[in-house]
Amino acid sequence: MARLKYESIKSGLDPVAEQRAKKAALVAEQAQHITFAEYSKRFINKQAKEYKTPEQVRRLTHQLTEYVNPHMGHLFIKDIKREVLTS
């Protein structure tokens, strides 16, 4: 195992970058199998840490739950295309 890693480094490959790319691909694949509603909850939690006031979080939550999720919440992320957004 160590010899293979050594040989790949010697040939110019970066094993750490390869592992990161594999992990990113796995995360992207898993993200395709969740609904927009589930993803919007994750997005709200992530944005809540970056926003400065609770009002910003409340406004984002309200907009997604009242306006977007009733129309798109049931769709899988992989199924959302431009046509869905414009209809």
PDB file of N, CA and C in Angstrom:
ATOM      1  N   MET A   1       0.814  -1.181   0.000  1.00  0.00           N
ATOM      2  CA  MET A   1       0.000   0.000   0.000  1.00  0.00           C
ATOM      3  C   MET A   1       0.867   1.259   0.000  1.00  0.00           C
ATOM      4  N   ALA A   2       1.819   1.285   0.904  1.00  0.00           N
ATOM      5  CA  ALA A   2       2.696   2.445   0.992  1.00  0.00           C
ATOM      6  C   ALA A   2       3.533   2.569  -0.279  1.00  0.00           C
ATOM      7  N   ARG A   3       3.953   1.437  -0.818  1.00  0.00           N
ATOM      8  CA  ARG A   3       4.751   1.471  -2.040  1.00  0.00           C
ATOM      9  C   ARG A   3       3.937   2.044  -3.202  1.00  0.00           C
ATOM     10  N   LEU A   4       2.654   1.687  -3.283  1.00  0.00           N
ATOM     11  CA  LEU A   4       1.796   2.221  -4.339  1.00  0.00           C
ATOM     12  C   LEU A   4       1.645   3.738  -4.215  1.00  0.00           C
ATOM     13  N   LYS A   5       1.476   4.201  -2.989  1.00  0.00           N
ATOM     14  CA  LYS A   5       1.376   5.643  -2.777  1.00  0.00           C
ATOM     15  C   LYS A   5       2.682   6.331  -3.147  1.00  0.00           C
ATOM     16  N   TYR A   6       3.779   5.727  -2.760  1.00  0.00           N
ATOM     17  CA  TYR A   6       5.090   6.288  -3.096  1.00  0.00           C
ATOM     18  C   TYR A   6       5.269   6.364  -4.607  1.00  0.00           C
ATOM     19  N   GLU A   7       4.895   5.295  -5.298  1.00  0.00           N
ATOM     20  CA  GLU A   7       5.026   5.273  -6.757  1.00  0.00           C
ATOM     21  C   GLU A   7       4.119   6.323  -7.411  1.00  0.00           C
ATOM     22  N   SER A   8       2.915   6.497  -6.872  1.00  0.00           N
ATOM     23  CA  SER A   8       2.019   7.499  -7.461  1.00  0.00           C
ATOM     24  C   SER A   8       2.551   8.912  -7.227  1.00  0.00           C
ATOM     25  N   ILE A   9       3.136   9.144  -6.063  1.00  0.00           N
ATOM     26  CA  ILE A   9       3.737  10.456  -5.795  1.00  0.00           C
ATOM     27  C   ILE A   9       4.930  10.681  -6.709  1.00  0.00           C
ATOM     28  N   LYS A  10       5.706   9.644  -6.876  1.00  0.00           N
ATOM     29  CA  LYS A  10       6.898   9.735  -7.721  1.00  0.00           C
ATOM     30  C   LYS A  10       6.522  10.023  -9.177  1.00  0.00           C
ATOM     31  N   SER A  11       5.380   9.497  -9.606  1.00  0.00           N
ATOM     32  CA  SER A  11       4.952   9.719 -10.987  1.00  0.00           C
ATOM     33  C   SER A  11       4.221  11.056 -11.164  1.00  0.00           C
ATOM     34  N   GLY A  12       4.074  11.812 -10.073  1.00  0.00           N
ATOM     35  CA  GLY A  12       3.493  13.140 -10.190  1.00  0.00           C
ATOM     36  C   GLY A  12       2.060  13.260  -9.734  1.00  0.00           C
ATOM     37  N   LEU A  13       1.464  12.180  -9.232  1.00  0.00           N
ATOM     38  CA  LEU A  13       0.084  12.233  -8.753  1.00  0.00           C
ATOM     39  C   LEU A  13       0.048  12.628  -7.281  1.00  0.00           C
ATOM     40  N   ASP A  14      -0.994  13.286  -6.900  1.00  0.00           N
ATOM     41  CA  ASP A  14      -1.164  13.697  -5.507  1.00  0.00           C
ATOM     42  C   ASP A  14      -2.252  12.839  -4.877  1.00  0.00           C
ATOM     43  N   PRO A  15      -1.906  11.889  -4.011  1.00  0.00           N
ATOM     44  CA  PRO A  15      -2.900  10.994  -3.427  1.00  0.00           C
ATOM     45  C   PRO A  15      -3.926  11.726  -2.556  1.00  0.00           C
ATOM     46  N   VAL A  16      -3.526  12.798  -1.897  1.00  0.00           N
ATOM     47  CA  VAL A  16      -4.452  13.562  -1.071  1.00  0.00           C
ATOM     48  C   VAL A  16      -5.498  14.237  -1.961  1.00  0.00           C
ATOM     49  N   ALA A  17      -5.052  14.806  -3.068  1.00  0.00           N
ATOM     50  CA  ALA A  17      -5.983  15.441  -4.000  1.00  0.00           C
ATOM     51  C   ALA A  17      -6.937  14.406  -4.597  1.00  0.00           C
ATOM     52  N   GLU A  18      -6.434  13.209  -4.862  1.00  0.00           N
ATOM     53  CA  GLU A  18      -7.292  12.142  -5.380  1.00  0.00           C
ATOM     54  C   GLU A  18      -8.365  11.761  -4.362  1.00  0.00           C
ATOM     55  N   GLN A  19      -7.976  11.655  -3.090  1.00  0.00           N
ATOM     56  CA  GLN A  19      -8.937  11.313  -2.045  1.00  0.00           C
ATOM     57  C   GLN A  19      -9.991  12.410  -1.907  1.00  0.00           C
ATOM     58  N   ARG A  20      -9.559  13.662  -1.971  1.00  0.00           N
ATOM     59  CA  ARG A  20     -10.504  14.779  -1.879  1.00  0.00           C
ATOM     60  C   ARG A  20     -11.469  14.769  -3.053  1.00  0.00           C
ATOM     61  N   ALA A  21     -10.972  14.460  -4.234  1.00  0.00           N
ATOM     62  CA  ALA A  21     -11.832  14.412  -5.416  1.00  0.00           C
ATOM     63  C   ALA A  21     -12.852  13.286  -5.288  1.00  0.00           C
ATOM     64  N   LYS A  22     -12.421  12.133  -4.777  1.00  0.00           N
ATOM     65  CA  LYS A  22     -13.350  11.014  -4.576  1.00  0.00           C
ATOM     66  C   LYS A  22     -14.426  11.381  -3.562  1.00  0.00           C
ATOM     67  N   LYS A  23     -14.017  12.039  -2.478  1.00  0.00           N
ATOM     68  CA  LYS A  23     -14.977  12.426  -1.448  1.00  0.00           C
ATOM     69  C   LYS A  23     -15.958  13.458  -2.003  1.00  0.00           C
ATOM     70  N   ALA A  24     -15.470  14.413  -2.776  1.00  0.00           N
ATOM     71  CA  ALA A  24     -16.345  15.427  -3.361  1.00  0.00           C
ATOM     72  C   ALA A  24     -17.338  14.794  -4.328  1.00  0.00           C
ATOM     73  N   ALA A  25     -16.888  13.821  -5.097  1.00  0.00           N
ATOM     74  CA  ALA A  25     -17.778  13.130  -6.024  1.00  0.00           C
ATOM     75  C   ALA A  25     -18.855  12.354  -5.267  1.00  0.00           C
ATOM     76  N   LEU A  26     -18.479  11.725  -4.169  1.00  0.00           N
ATOM     77  CA  LEU A  26     -19.439  10.983  -3.352  1.00  0.00           C
ATOM     78  C   LEU A  26     -20.471  11.922  -2.740  1.00  0.00           C
ATOM     79  N   VAL A  27     -20.024  13.048  -2.214  1.00  0.00           N
ATOM     80  CA  VAL A  27     -20.944  14.023  -1.627  1.00  0.00           C
ATOM     81  C   VAL A  27     -21.899  14.558  -2.691  1.00  0.00           C
ATOM     82  N   ALA A  28     -21.392  14.831  -3.885  1.00  0.00           N
ATOM     83  CA  ALA A  28     -22.229  15.324  -4.974  1.00  0.00           C
ATOM     84  C   ALA A  28     -23.262  14.275  -5.383  1.00  0.00           C
ATOM     85  N   GLU A  29     -22.852  13.026  -5.408  1.00  0.00           N
ATOM     86  CA  GLU A  29     -23.778  11.942  -5.760  1.00  0.00           C
ATOM     87  C   GLU A  29     -24.870  11.799  -4.703  1.00  0.00           C
ATOM     88  N   GLN A  30     -24.484  11.878  -3.441  1.00  0.00           N
ATOM     89  CA  GLN A  30     -25.468  11.766  -2.368  1.00  0.00           C
ATOM     90  C   GLN A  30     -26.420  12.955  -2.368  1.00  0.00           C
ATOM     91  N   ALA A  31     -25.923  14.119  -2.737  1.00  0.00           N
ATOM     92  CA  ALA A  31     -26.763  15.316  -2.760  1.00  0.00           C
ATOM     93  C   ALA A  31     -27.846  15.221  -3.825  1.00  0.00           C
ATOM     94  N   GLN A  32     -27.635  14.424  -4.832  1.00  0.00           N
ATOM     95  CA  GLN A  32     -28.618  14.274  -5.892  1.00  0.00           C
ATOM     96  C   GLN A  32     -29.845  13.494  -5.421  1.00  0.00           C
ATOM     97  N   HIS A  33     -29.731  12.788  -4.335  1.00  0.00           N
ATOM     98  CA  HIS A  33     -30.810  11.919  -3.870  1.00  0.00           C
ATOM     99  C   HIS A  33     -31.599  12.515  -2.704  1.00  0.00           C
ATOM    100  N   ILE A  34     -31.559  13.832  -2.568  1.00  0.00           N
ATOM    101  CA  ILE A  34     -32.378  14.481  -1.546  1.00  0.00           C
ATOM    102  C   ILE A  34     -33.348  15.436  -2.237  1.00  0.00           C
ATOM    103  N   THR A  35     -34.416  15.752  -1.542  1.00  0.00           N
ATOM    104  CA  THR A  35     -35.397  16.668  -2.121  1.00  0.00           C
ATOM    105  C   THR A  35     -34.975  18.112  -1.889  1.00  0.00           C
ATOM    106  N   PHE A  36     -35.610  19.000  -2.622  1.00  0.00           N
ATOM    107  CA  PHE A  36     -35.303  20.415  -2.470  1.00  0.00           C
ATOM    108  C   PHE A  36     -35.642  20.887  -1.059  1.00  0.00           C
ATOM    109  N   ALA A  37     -36.723  20.383  -0.481  1.00  0.00           N
ATOM    110  CA  ALA A  37     -37.105  20.782   0.875  1.00  0.00           C
ATOM    111  C   ALA A  37     -36.025  20.404   1.886  1.00  0.00           C
ATOM    112  N   GLU A  38     -35.479  19.200   1.761  1.00  0.00           N
ATOM    113  CA  GLU A  38     -34.407  18.766   2.657  1.00  0.00           C
ATOM    114  C   GLU A  38     -33.166  19.631   2.463  1.00  0.00           C
ATOM    115  N   TYR A  39     -32.848  19.915   1.215  1.00  0.00           N
ATOM    116  CA  TYR A  39     -31.676  20.731   0.920  1.00  0.00           C
ATOM    117  C   TYR A  39     -31.866  22.154   1.437  1.00  0.00           C
ATOM    118  N   SER A  40     -33.077  22.686   1.323  1.00  0.00           N
ATOM    119  CA  SER A  40     -33.314  24.054   1.791  1.00  0.00           C
ATOM    120  C   SER A  40     -33.141  24.144   3.303  1.00  0.00           C
ATOM    121  N   LYS A  41     -33.503  23.092   4.049  1.00  0.00           N
ATOM    122  CA  LYS A  41     -33.273  23.087   5.499  1.00  0.00           C
ATOM    123  C   LYS A  41     -31.784  23.140   5.808  1.00  0.00           C
ATOM    124  N   ARG A  42     -31.003  22.371   5.070  1.00  0.00           N
ATOM    125  CA  ARG A  42     -29.547  22.399   5.255  1.00  0.00           C
ATOM    126  C   ARG A  42     -28.984  23.773   4.909  1.00  0.00           C
ATOM    127  N   PHE A  43     -29.509  24.350   3.848  1.00  0.00           N
ATOM    128  CA  PHE A  43     -29.050  25.664   3.412  1.00  0.00           C
ATOM    129  C   PHE A  43     -29.357  26.725   4.464  1.00  0.00           C
ATOM    130  N   ILE A  44     -30.538  26.663   5.036  1.00  0.00           N
ATOM    131  CA  ILE A  44     -30.914  27.629   6.076  1.00  0.00           C
ATOM    132  C   ILE A  44     -29.975  27.511   7.270  1.00  0.00           C
ATOM    133  N   ASN A  45     -29.692  26.280   7.694  1.00  0.00           N
ATOM    134  CA  ASN A  45     -28.780  26.079   8.824  1.00  0.00           C
ATOM    135  C   ASN A  45     -27.389  26.614   8.528  1.00  0.00           C
ATOM    136  N   LYS A  46     -26.935  26.416   7.311  1.00  0.00           N
ATOM    137  CA  LYS A  46     -25.605  26.913   6.925  1.00  0.00           C
ATOM    138  C   LYS A  46     -25.596  28.436   6.882  1.00  0.00           C
ATOM    139  N   GLN A  47     -26.616  29.014   6.289  1.00  0.00           N
ATOM    140  CA  GLN A  47     -26.680  30.464   6.172  1.00  0.00           C
ATOM    141  C   GLN A  47     -26.879  31.134   7.521  1.00  0.00           C
ATOM    142  N   ALA A  48     -27.565  30.466   8.450  1.00  0.00           N
ATOM    143  CA  ALA A  48     -27.812  31.039   9.768  1.00  0.00           C
ATOM    144  C   ALA A  48     -26.506  31.368  10.482  1.00  0.00           C
ATOM    145  N   LYS A  49     -25.485  30.587  10.226  1.00  0.00           N
ATOM    146  CA  LYS A  49     -24.185  30.839  10.846  1.00  0.00           C
ATOM    147  C   LYS A  49     -23.499  32.060  10.244  1.00  0.00           C
ATOM    148  N   GLU A  50     -23.823  32.380   8.997  1.00  0.00           N
ATOM    149  CA  GLU A  50     -23.161  33.479   8.312  1.00  0.00           C
ATOM    150  C   GLU A  50     -23.915  34.800   8.421  1.00  0.00           C
ATOM    151  N   TYR A  51     -25.236  34.721   8.636  1.00  0.00           N
ATOM    152  CA  TYR A  51     -26.031  35.943   8.739  1.00  0.00           C
ATOM    153  C   TYR A  51     -25.734  36.665  10.040  1.00  0.00           C
ATOM    154  N   LYS A  52     -25.947  37.965  10.022  1.00  0.00           N
ATOM    155  CA  LYS A  52     -25.627  38.776  11.192  1.00  0.00           C
ATOM    156  C   LYS A  52     -26.799  38.905  12.158  1.00  0.00           C
ATOM    157  N   THR A  53     -28.030  38.853  11.651  1.00  0.00           N
ATOM    158  CA  THR A  53     -29.183  39.038  12.524  1.00  0.00           C
ATOM    159  C   THR A  53     -30.171  37.879  12.377  1.00  0.00           C
ATOM    160  N   PRO A  54     -30.934  37.609  13.415  1.00  0.00           N
ATOM    161  CA  PRO A  54     -31.969  36.573  13.331  1.00  0.00           C
ATOM    162  C   PRO A  54     -33.055  36.930  12.313  1.00  0.00           C
ATOM    163  N   GLU A  55     -33.249  38.192  12.063  1.00  0.00           N
ATOM    164  CA  GLU A  55     -34.251  38.629  11.084  1.00  0.00           C
ATOM    165  C   GLU A  55     -33.915  38.110   9.690  1.00  0.00           C
ATOM    166  N   GLN A  56     -32.651  38.095   9.354  1.00  0.00           N
ATOM    167  CA  GLN A  56     -32.240  37.576   8.048  1.00  0.00           C
ATOM    168  C   GLN A  56     -32.568  36.096   7.934  1.00  0.00           C
ATOM    169  N   VAL A  57     -32.331  35.351   8.981  1.00  0.00           N
ATOM    170  CA  VAL A  57     -32.628  33.913   8.991  1.00  0.00           C
ATOM    171  C   VAL A  57     -34.136  33.703   8.901  1.00  0.00           C
ATOM    172  N   ARG A  58     -34.908  34.474   9.645  1.00  0.00           N
ATOM    173  CA  ARG A  58     -36.355  34.355   9.617  1.00  0.00           C
ATOM    174  C   ARG A  58     -36.901  34.654   8.228  1.00  0.00           C
ATOM    175  N   ARG A  59     -36.364  35.682   7.580  1.00  0.00           N
ATOM    176  CA  ARG A  59     -36.823  36.051   6.242  1.00  0.00           C
ATOM    177  C   ARG A  59     -36.507  34.947   5.229  1.00  0.00           C
ATOM    178  N   LEU A  60     -35.297  34.403   5.279  1.00  0.00           N
ATOM    179  CA  LEU A  60     -34.927  33.322   4.369  1.00  0.00           C
ATOM    180  C   LEU A  60     -35.815  32.098   4.604  1.00  0.00           C
ATOM    181  N   THR A  61     -36.020  31.738   5.858  1.00  0.00           N
ATOM    182  CA  THR A  61     -36.863  30.588   6.186  1.00  0.00           C
ATOM    183  C   THR A  61     -38.279  30.799   5.673  1.00  0.00           C
ATOM    184  N   HIS A  62     -38.807  31.972   5.883  1.00  0.00           N
ATOM    185  CA  HIS A  62     -40.160  32.276   5.432  1.00  0.00           C
ATOM    186  C   HIS A  62     -40.272  32.192   3.911  1.00  0.00           C
ATOM    187  N   GLN A  63     -39.325  32.776   3.215  1.00  0.00           N
ATOM    188  CA  GLN A  63     -39.386  32.771   1.750  1.00  0.00           C
ATOM    189  C   GLN A  63     -39.312  31.358   1.186  1.00  0.00           C
ATOM    190  N   LEU A  64     -38.425  30.549   1.730  1.00  0.00           N
ATOM    191  CA  LEU A  64     -38.300  29.183   1.223  1.00  0.00           C
ATOM    192  C   LEU A  64     -39.518  28.331   1.581  1.00  0.00           C
ATOM    193  N   THR A  65     -39.987  28.417   2.808  1.00  0.00           N
ATOM    194  CA  THR A  65     -41.091  27.546   3.213  1.00  0.00           C
ATOM    195  C   THR A  65     -42.441  27.987   2.649  1.00  0.00           C
ATOM    196  N   GLU A  66     -42.636  29.277   2.483  1.00  0.00           N
ATOM    197  CA  GLU A  66     -43.934  29.763   2.014  1.00  0.00           C
ATOM    198  C   GLU A  66     -44.040  29.866   0.492  1.00  0.00           C
ATOM    199  N   TYR A  67     -42.954  30.172  -0.178  1.00  0.00           N
ATOM    200  CA  TYR A  67     -43.028  30.446  -1.611  1.00  0.00           C
ATOM    201  C   TYR A  67     -42.389  29.377  -2.496  1.00  0.00           C
ATOM    202  N   VAL A  68     -41.276  28.835  -2.064  1.00  0.00           N
ATOM    203  CA  VAL A  68     -40.536  27.922  -2.942  1.00  0.00           C
ATOM    204  C   VAL A  68     -40.893  26.461  -2.675  1.00  0.00           C
ATOM    205  N   ASN A  69     -40.847  26.037  -1.417  1.00  0.00           N
ATOM    206  CA  ASN A  69     -41.083  24.629  -1.101  1.00  0.00           C
ATOM    207  C   ASN A  69     -42.452  24.105  -1.533  1.00  0.00           C
ATOM    208  N   PRO A  70     -43.535  24.893  -1.470  1.00  0.00           N
ATOM    209  CA  PRO A  70     -44.810  24.342  -1.949  1.00  0.00           C
ATOM    210  C   PRO A  70     -44.790  23.957  -3.432  1.00  0.00           C
ATOM    211  N   HIS A  71     -43.942  24.591  -4.206  1.00  0.00           N
ATOM    212  CA  HIS A  71     -43.877  24.304  -5.641  1.00  0.00           C
ATOM    213  C   HIS A  71     -42.768  23.321  -6.002  1.00  0.00           C
ATOM    214  N   MET A  72     -41.660  23.378  -5.277  1.00  0.00           N
ATOM    215  CA  MET A  72     -40.504  22.564  -5.653  1.00  0.00           C
ATOM    216  C   MET A  72     -40.011  21.633  -4.556  1.00  0.00           C
ATOM    217  N   GLY A  73     -40.554  21.716  -3.370  1.00  0.00           N
ATOM    218  CA  GLY A  73     -40.041  20.953  -2.232  1.00  0.00           C
ATOM    219  C   GLY A  73     -40.039  19.455  -2.427  1.00  0.00           C
ATOM    220  N   HIS A  74     -40.961  18.943  -3.203  1.00  0.00           N
ATOM    221  CA  HIS A  74     -41.063  17.491  -3.404  1.00  0.00           C
ATOM    222  C   HIS A  74     -40.096  16.974  -4.472  1.00  0.00           C
ATOM    223  N   LEU A  75     -39.496  17.861  -5.238  1.00  0.00           N
ATOM    224  CA  LEU A  75     -38.602  17.441  -6.329  1.00  0.00           C
ATOM    225  C   LEU A  75     -37.220  17.070  -5.810  1.00  0.00           C
ATOM    226  N   PHE A  76     -36.646  16.058  -6.432  1.00  0.00           N
ATOM    227  CA  PHE A  76     -35.251  15.732  -6.135  1.00  0.00           C
ATOM    228  C   PHE A  76     -34.358  16.771  -6.799  1.00  0.00           C
ATOM    229  N   ILE A  77     -33.232  17.053  -6.163  1.00  0.00           N
ATOM    230  CA  ILE A  77     -32.301  18.051  -6.687  1.00  0.00           C
ATOM    231  C   ILE A  77     -31.897  17.714  -8.119  1.00  0.00           C
ATOM    232  N   LYS A  78     -31.674  16.442  -8.396  1.00  0.00           N
ATOM    233  CA  LYS A  78     -31.230  16.041  -9.737  1.00  0.00           C
ATOM    234  C   LYS A  78     -32.289  16.282 -10.805  1.00  0.00           C
ATOM    235  N   ASP A  79     -33.567  16.395 -10.400  1.00  0.00           N
ATOM    236  CA  ASP A  79     -34.649  16.573 -11.352  1.00  0.00           C
ATOM    237  C   ASP A  79     -34.982  18.037 -11.637  1.00  0.00           C
ATOM    238  N   ILE A  80     -34.356  18.947 -10.916  1.00  0.00           N
ATOM    239  CA  ILE A  80     -34.663  20.366 -11.102  1.00  0.00           C
ATOM    240  C   ILE A  80     -33.888  20.884 -12.321  1.00  0.00           C
ATOM    241  N   LYS A  81     -34.623  21.311 -13.292  1.00  0.00           N
ATOM    242  CA  LYS A  81     -34.054  21.856 -14.529  1.00  0.00           C
ATOM    243  C   LYS A  81     -34.587  23.269 -14.736  1.00  0.00           C
ATOM    244  N   ARG A  82     -34.061  23.955 -15.696  1.00  0.00           N
ATOM    245  CA  ARG A  82     -34.464  25.315 -15.993  1.00  0.00           C
ATOM    246  C   ARG A  82     -35.964  25.414 -16.261  1.00  0.00           C
ATOM    247  N   GLU A  83     -36.516  24.413 -16.926  1.00  0.00           N
ATOM    248  CA  GLU A  83     -37.940  24.440 -17.266  1.00  0.00           C
ATOM    249  C   GLU A  83     -38.813  24.458 -16.003  1.00  0.00           C
ATOM    250  N   VAL A  84     -38.366  23.758 -14.969  1.00  0.00           N
ATOM    251  CA  VAL A  84     -39.112  23.725 -13.714  1.00  0.00           C
ATOM    252  C   VAL A  84     -39.084  25.105 -13.056  1.00  0.00           C
ATOM    253  N   LEU A  85     -37.956  25.770 -13.148  1.00  0.00           N
ATOM    254  CA  LEU A  85     -37.802  27.070 -12.505  1.00  0.00           C
ATOM    255  C   LEU A  85     -38.595  28.158 -13.199  1.00  0.00           C
ATOM    256  N   THR A  86     -38.772  28.047 -14.500  1.00  0.00           N
ATOM    257  CA  THR A  86     -39.462  29.091 -15.233  1.00  0.00           C
ATOM    258  C   THR A  86     -40.957  28.864 -15.342  1.00  0.00           C
ATOM    259  N   SER A  87     -41.437  27.686 -14.960  1.00  0.00           N
ATOM    260  CA  SER A  87     -42.873  27.424 -15.076  1.00  0.00           C
ATOM    261  C   SER A  87     -43.624  27.866 -13.840  1.00  0.00           C
TER     262      SER A  87
END
